[in-house]
């Protein structure tokens, strides 16, 4: 029995030592990754799956899209901090924004699986103040960090690039299914309270852009029937209450046929092509039309 316990302790020690060594080695590798953007790319697109699937930076050629599905503003902030430090040419940041986004479920934000999905990719971008956010979930944070080697080798084996975001060409065509789901089961609102973490890091993003003399524009991309599903009042109220000095461009009513939607809130590649071509041709002109209140809504007369 004594021998078994000794062997178990030795095995556990060796396993822990190897894991920590692997995490440290991968951290060093990831910390050397360049965030330098191609010449001519001066607009940075960040946010969640809505911008991830809507802004094709191969068409909107002045922009680089580093949005990522289910991305909390904390991770957008960490990326932005790094990109701005390495790219003086960036003068504009387009950030995905919608009423529901600022109400990201805090239980999801601190869930073990969500943290394990995000933290390994962002570990080298987290500073002390960011890590402190997870002080109440130390076990889940450590678990997420220890996933780094598994994700790293998985990506190498399957020839996947370790990603912190990019344009995603969606071929999803589930609009009618999504409509039926919402009609069959009322889309119950989440707690109307604004997430303190989403609000905090959204304001940090605004402060960072201001300090770097970079223009931040909140971007609400096209969606199906925004008058029904768009929560326009929540978006407008948040902008007016907390970020009135930041420009807000609402393209939610941008006209597209049903075939351009992957579901109610996301475009597929057809919609992304049309919307991105519009941005390529008209975005600068639209920005100039932003008037009183720093708010611009597609289809409404300029103030």
Protein backbone atom coordinates (compact mmCIF):
# COMPACT_ATOMS: atom_id res chain seq x y z
CA UNK A 1 0.00 0.00 0.00
CA UNK A 2 2.82 2.36 0.91
CA UNK A 3 4.51 1.63 -2.42
CA UNK A 4 1.28 2.34 -4.30
CA UNK A 5 0.85 5.70 -2.56
CA UNK A 6 4.47 6.63 -3.29
CA UNK A 7 4.10 5.74 -6.97
CA UNK A 8 0.85 7.70 -7.17
CA UNK A 9 2.48 10.78 -5.65
CA UNK A 10 5.46 10.49 -8.00
CA UNK A 11 3.18 10.05 -11.02
CA UNK A 12 1.06 13.04 -10.00
CA UNK A 13 4.18 15.16 -9.50
CA UNK A 14 5.62 14.20 -12.90
CA UNK A 15 2.27 14.85 -14.61
CA UNK A 16 1.90 18.25 -12.96
CA UNK A 17 5.50 19.20 -13.79
CA UNK A 18 5.07 18.24 -17.46
CA UNK A 19 1.75 20.07 -17.73
CA UNK A 20 3.13 23.25 -16.17
CA UNK A 21 6.18 23.04 -18.44
CA UNK A 22 3.98 22.63 -21.50
CA UNK A 23 1.78 25.55 -20.49
CA UNK A 24 4.88 27.69 -19.95
CA UNK A 25 6.38 26.69 -23.28
CA UNK A 26 3.16 27.37 -25.17
CA UNK A 27 2.81 30.69 -23.39
CA UNK A 28 6.27 31.70 -24.65
CA UNK A 29 5.42 30.61 -28.20
CA UNK A 30 2.12 32.50 -28.22
CA UNK A 31 3.64 35.60 -26.65
CA UNK A 32 5.93 35.96 -29.69
CA UNK A 33 3.06 35.97 -32.21
CA UNK A 34 2.98 39.18 -34.24
CA UNK A 35 -0.19 41.27 -34.30
CA UNK A 36 1.05 43.44 -37.14
CA UNK A 37 -1.69 44.12 -39.68
CA UNK A 38 -1.16 44.29 -43.46
CA UNK A 39 -0.40 47.67 -44.96
CA UNK A 40 -3.56 49.57 -45.88
CA UNK A 41 -5.66 47.97 -43.17
CA UNK A 42 -6.59 50.85 -40.88
CA UNK A 43 -10.05 49.78 -39.65
CA UNK A 44 -10.25 47.08 -36.99
CA UNK A 45 -13.50 45.11 -36.57
CA UNK A 46 -14.06 43.44 -33.21
CA UNK A 47 -16.95 41.79 -31.41
CA UNK A 48 -19.03 38.64 -31.37
CA UNK A 49 -20.49 36.33 -34.01
CA UNK A 50 -22.69 39.05 -35.50
CA UNK A 51 -19.73 41.02 -36.88
CA UNK A 52 -17.73 37.81 -37.31
CA UNK A 53 -20.25 36.62 -39.90
CA UNK A 54 -21.26 39.98 -41.38
CA UNK A 55 -18.08 41.89 -42.29
CA UNK A 56 -16.06 40.18 -45.01
CA UNK A 57 -12.70 41.96 -44.90
CA UNK A 58 -11.76 40.54 -48.28
CA UNK A 59 -14.44 42.87 -49.70
CA UNK A 60 -14.33 45.71 -47.15
CA UNK A 61 -10.65 46.00 -47.95
CA UNK A 62 -9.68 48.78 -45.54
CA UNK A 63 -10.77 46.65 -42.60
CA UNK A 64 -9.48 43.61 -40.76
CA UNK A 65 -12.07 41.52 -38.98
CA UNK A 66 -10.94 39.90 -35.73
CA UNK A 67 -14.38 39.24 -34.30
CA UNK A 68 -15.04 35.89 -32.64
CA UNK A 69 -18.23 34.03 -31.78
CA UNK A 70 -19.55 34.54 -28.23
CA UNK A 71 -16.80 37.01 -27.48
CA UNK A 72 -17.17 39.04 -24.29
CA UNK A 73 -15.91 42.62 -24.35
CA UNK A 74 -13.09 41.67 -21.96
CA UNK A 75 -11.48 39.63 -24.73
CA UNK A 76 -12.16 42.34 -27.33
CA UNK A 77 -10.41 44.80 -25.04
CA UNK A 78 -7.34 42.59 -24.63
CA UNK A 79 -7.05 42.15 -28.39
CA UNK A 80 -7.55 45.83 -29.04
CA UNK A 81 -4.84 46.77 -26.55
CA UNK A 82 -2.36 44.55 -28.42
CA UNK A 83 -3.39 45.61 -31.92
CA UNK A 84 -3.18 49.31 -31.12
CA UNK A 85 0.26 48.84 -29.57
CA UNK A 86 1.58 47.27 -32.79
CA UNK A 87 -0.34 49.15 -35.48
CA UNK A 88 -0.13 52.92 -35.55
CA UNK A 89 -2.11 53.00 -38.80
CA UNK A 90 -5.33 51.87 -37.11
CA UNK A 91 -7.55 54.94 -36.82
CA UNK A 92 -11.00 53.36 -36.52
CA UNK A 93 -12.47 50.50 -34.48
CA UNK A 94 -15.87 49.01 -35.36
CA UNK A 95 -17.26 47.15 -32.37
CA UNK A 96 -20.27 44.85 -32.47
CA UNK A 97 -23.05 46.34 -30.36
CA UNK A 98 -26.65 45.47 -29.64
CA UNK A 99 -28.83 45.70 -26.55
CA UNK A 100 -28.62 42.01 -25.80
CA UNK A 101 -24.83 42.06 -26.07
CA UNK A 102 -24.46 44.18 -22.94
CA UNK A 103 -26.58 41.66 -21.08
CA UNK A 104 -24.28 38.69 -21.63
CA UNK A 105 -25.19 36.16 -18.96
CA UNK A 106 -22.57 36.48 -16.20
CA UNK A 107 -23.09 32.81 -15.36
CA UNK A 108 -22.02 31.99 -18.91
CA UNK A 109 -19.06 34.38 -18.68
CA UNK A 110 -17.71 32.53 -15.63
CA UNK A 111 -18.77 29.04 -16.69
CA UNK A 112 -16.05 26.42 -16.76
CA UNK A 113 -16.60 25.54 -20.42
CA UNK A 114 -16.72 29.16 -21.63
CA UNK A 115 -13.53 30.03 -19.80
CA UNK A 116 -11.83 26.88 -21.14
CA UNK A 117 -12.83 27.90 -24.67
CA UNK A 118 -11.54 31.49 -24.44
CA UNK A 119 -8.74 31.82 -21.91
CA UNK A 120 -6.17 29.47 -23.55
CA UNK A 121 -6.24 31.63 -26.69
CA UNK A 122 -6.06 34.92 -24.81
CA UNK A 123 -3.71 33.98 -21.99
CA UNK A 124 -0.78 36.03 -23.26
CA UNK A 125 -3.04 39.06 -23.73
CA UNK A 126 -4.44 39.08 -20.19
CA UNK A 127 -2.87 41.55 -17.80
CA UNK A 128 -3.07 41.48 -14.02
CA UNK A 129 -6.24 43.58 -13.88
CA UNK A 130 -7.93 41.26 -16.37
CA UNK A 131 -6.94 38.12 -14.50
CA UNK A 132 -8.29 39.69 -11.30
CA UNK A 133 -11.78 39.51 -12.83
CA UNK A 134 -11.60 35.74 -12.40
CA UNK A 135 -10.47 35.85 -8.77
CA UNK A 136 -13.77 34.39 -7.64
CA UNK A 137 -13.44 31.45 -10.03
CA UNK A 138 -9.85 30.38 -9.40
CA UNK A 139 -10.48 26.67 -9.98
CA UNK A 140 -12.18 27.24 -13.34
CA UNK A 141 -9.46 29.71 -14.37
CA UNK A 142 -6.68 27.22 -13.56
CA UNK A 143 -8.61 24.50 -15.40
CA UNK A 144 -8.89 26.79 -18.45
CA UNK A 145 -5.16 27.58 -18.38
CA UNK A 146 -4.32 23.88 -18.21
CA UNK A 147 -6.30 23.32 -21.42
CA UNK A 148 -3.65 25.26 -23.37
CA UNK A 149 -1.49 22.25 -24.28
CA UNK A 150 -4.48 20.17 -25.41
CA UNK A 151 -5.84 22.94 -27.64
CA UNK A 152 -2.38 23.77 -28.98
CA UNK A 153 -1.61 20.21 -30.08
CA UNK A 154 -5.15 19.69 -31.36
CA UNK A 155 -4.74 22.70 -33.61
CA UNK A 156 -1.37 21.44 -34.83
CA UNK A 157 -2.65 17.91 -35.50
CA UNK A 158 -5.69 19.15 -37.43
CA UNK A 159 -3.71 21.98 -39.05
CA UNK A 160 -5.88 24.64 -37.45
CA UNK A 161 -4.53 28.11 -36.77
CA UNK A 162 -4.83 29.24 -33.19
CA UNK A 163 -7.40 31.96 -33.61
CA UNK A 164 -8.52 34.98 -31.67
CA UNK A 165 -10.95 35.93 -34.39
CA UNK A 166 -11.46 36.34 -38.14
CA UNK A 167 -14.24 36.73 -40.67
CA UNK A 168 -16.26 33.51 -40.75
CA UNK A 169 -17.98 32.64 -44.02
CA UNK A 170 -21.24 31.13 -42.80
CA UNK A 171 -23.27 28.83 -45.06
CA UNK A 172 -26.00 28.48 -42.47
CA UNK A 173 -29.59 28.68 -43.74
CA UNK A 174 -31.72 28.30 -40.63
CA UNK A 175 -33.82 31.46 -40.73
CA UNK A 176 -37.19 29.74 -40.94
CA UNK A 177 -36.19 27.21 -38.29
CA UNK A 178 -35.16 30.07 -35.99
CA UNK A 179 -38.44 31.92 -36.63
CA UNK A 180 -40.46 28.79 -35.85
CA UNK A 181 -38.46 28.19 -32.69
CA UNK A 182 -39.12 31.69 -31.44
CA UNK A 183 -42.80 31.54 -32.36
CA UNK A 184 -43.22 28.15 -30.72
CA UNK A 185 -41.41 29.11 -27.54
CA UNK A 186 -41.41 32.75 -26.52
CA UNK A 187 -37.85 34.00 -26.54
CA UNK A 188 -37.77 34.77 -22.83
CA UNK A 189 -35.70 37.81 -22.06
CA UNK A 190 -32.64 37.33 -19.97
CA UNK A 191 -32.34 39.29 -16.79
CA UNK A 192 -32.71 42.89 -17.90
CA UNK A 193 -29.85 43.94 -15.66
CA UNK A 194 -26.80 45.02 -17.62
CA UNK A 195 -23.75 42.81 -17.11
CA UNK A 196 -21.25 44.70 -14.99
CA UNK A 197 -18.39 42.99 -16.83
CA UNK A 198 -19.73 43.82 -20.28
CA UNK A 199 -20.37 47.41 -19.29
CA UNK A 200 -16.98 47.80 -17.59
CA UNK A 201 -14.97 46.50 -20.53
CA UNK A 202 -17.08 48.29 -23.11
CA UNK A 203 -16.25 51.55 -21.34
CA UNK A 204 -12.59 50.49 -21.10
CA UNK A 205 -12.56 50.00 -24.86
CA UNK A 206 -13.93 53.51 -25.30
CA UNK A 207 -11.31 54.94 -22.94
CA UNK A 208 -8.49 53.09 -24.68
CA UNK A 209 -9.55 54.30 -28.12
CA UNK A 210 -9.80 57.87 -26.85
CA UNK A 211 -6.33 57.70 -25.28
CA UNK A 212 -4.88 56.48 -28.58
CA UNK A 213 -6.80 59.02 -30.68
CA UNK A 214 -8.64 56.18 -32.41
CA UNK A 215 -12.30 56.58 -33.35
CA UNK A 216 -14.59 53.97 -31.82
CA UNK A 217 -17.85 53.26 -33.65
CA UNK A 218 -20.48 50.95 -32.18
CA UNK A 219 -21.81 48.84 -35.04
CA UNK A 220 -25.19 47.12 -35.15
CA UNK A 221 -25.12 44.90 -38.23
CA UNK A 222 -28.15 43.79 -40.30
CA UNK A 223 -30.64 41.35 -38.79
CA UNK A 224 -34.02 39.90 -39.71
CA UNK A 225 -36.97 42.13 -38.73
CA UNK A 226 -35.17 44.28 -36.13
CA UNK A 227 -38.47 45.96 -35.27
CA UNK A 228 -39.55 42.59 -33.84
CA UNK A 229 -36.32 41.01 -32.61
CA UNK A 230 -33.85 43.90 -32.40
CA UNK A 231 -34.40 45.34 -28.90
CA UNK A 232 -33.80 48.77 -30.36
CA UNK A 233 -34.87 50.66 -27.23
CA UNK A 234 -32.36 48.83 -25.04
CA UNK A 235 -29.55 49.57 -27.49
CA UNK A 236 -30.51 53.24 -27.78
CA UNK A 237 -30.99 53.67 -24.03
CA UNK A 238 -27.60 52.15 -23.20
CA UNK A 239 -25.84 54.30 -25.77
CA UNK A 240 -27.52 57.47 -24.54
CA UNK A 241 -26.94 56.70 -20.85
CA UNK A 242 -23.35 55.45 -20.89
CA UNK A 243 -21.67 56.28 -24.21
CA UNK A 244 -23.25 59.43 -25.71
CA UNK A 245 -19.85 60.64 -26.95
CA UNK A 246 -19.26 57.47 -28.96
CA UNK A 247 -20.65 57.14 -32.47
CA UNK A 248 -23.31 54.46 -32.95
CA UNK A 249 -24.20 53.22 -36.44
CA UNK A 250 -27.30 51.07 -36.65
CA UNK A 251 -27.50 48.98 -39.84
CA UNK A 252 -30.00 46.52 -38.36
CA UNK A 253 -32.65 47.58 -40.93
CA UNK A 254 -30.33 47.21 -43.92
CA UNK A 255 -32.53 45.57 -46.61
CA UNK A 256 -31.68 41.99 -47.52
CA UNK A 257 -33.72 39.05 -48.87
CA UNK A 258 -34.43 36.13 -46.53
CA UNK A 259 -31.82 34.03 -48.34
CA UNK A 260 -29.10 36.27 -46.88
CA UNK A 261 -29.78 35.33 -43.26
CA UNK A 262 -28.28 32.34 -41.48
CA UNK A 263 -30.81 32.90 -38.72
CA UNK A 264 -32.63 35.87 -37.20
CA UNK A 265 -29.54 37.63 -35.85
CA UNK A 266 -26.77 36.46 -38.22
CA UNK A 267 -25.99 36.89 -41.90
CA UNK A 268 -24.72 34.06 -44.04
CA UNK A 269 -22.09 34.51 -46.75
CA UNK A 270 -24.64 35.93 -49.21
CA UNK A 271 -25.68 38.66 -46.82
CA UNK A 272 -22.09 39.33 -45.79
CA UNK A 273 -21.08 39.88 -49.41
CA UNK A 274 -23.81 42.44 -50.01
CA UNK A 275 -23.34 44.25 -46.71
CA UNK A 276 -19.54 44.29 -46.98
CA UNK A 277 -19.70 45.67 -50.52
CA UNK A 278 -21.98 48.40 -49.22
CA UNK A 279 -19.47 49.23 -46.46
CA UNK A 280 -16.67 49.32 -49.01
CA UNK A 281 -18.56 51.85 -51.11
CA UNK A 282 -20.58 53.87 -48.60
CA UNK A 283 -19.17 53.56 -45.08
CA UNK A 284 -17.15 56.78 -45.10
CA UNK A 285 -20.13 58.73 -46.43
CA UNK A 286 -22.40 57.24 -43.77
CA UNK A 287 -20.00 58.24 -41.00
CA UNK A 288 -20.12 61.83 -42.22
CA UNK A 289 -23.92 61.81 -41.86
CA UNK A 290 -23.83 61.09 -38.12
CA UNK A 291 -25.50 64.00 -36.48
CA UNK A 292 -26.90 65.01 -33.13
CA UNK A 293 -26.71 62.34 -30.45
CA UNK A 294 -23.85 60.56 -32.27
CA UNK A 295 -26.38 58.08 -33.64
CA UNK A 296 -27.00 57.09 -37.25
CA UNK A 297 -29.72 54.68 -38.36
CA UNK A 298 -29.86 53.16 -41.82
CA UNK A 299 -32.98 54.27 -43.67
CA UNK A 300 -33.67 57.28 -41.47
CA UNK A 301 -32.99 60.84 -42.65
CA UNK A 302 -29.75 62.34 -41.42
CA UNK A 303 -30.26 64.79 -38.57
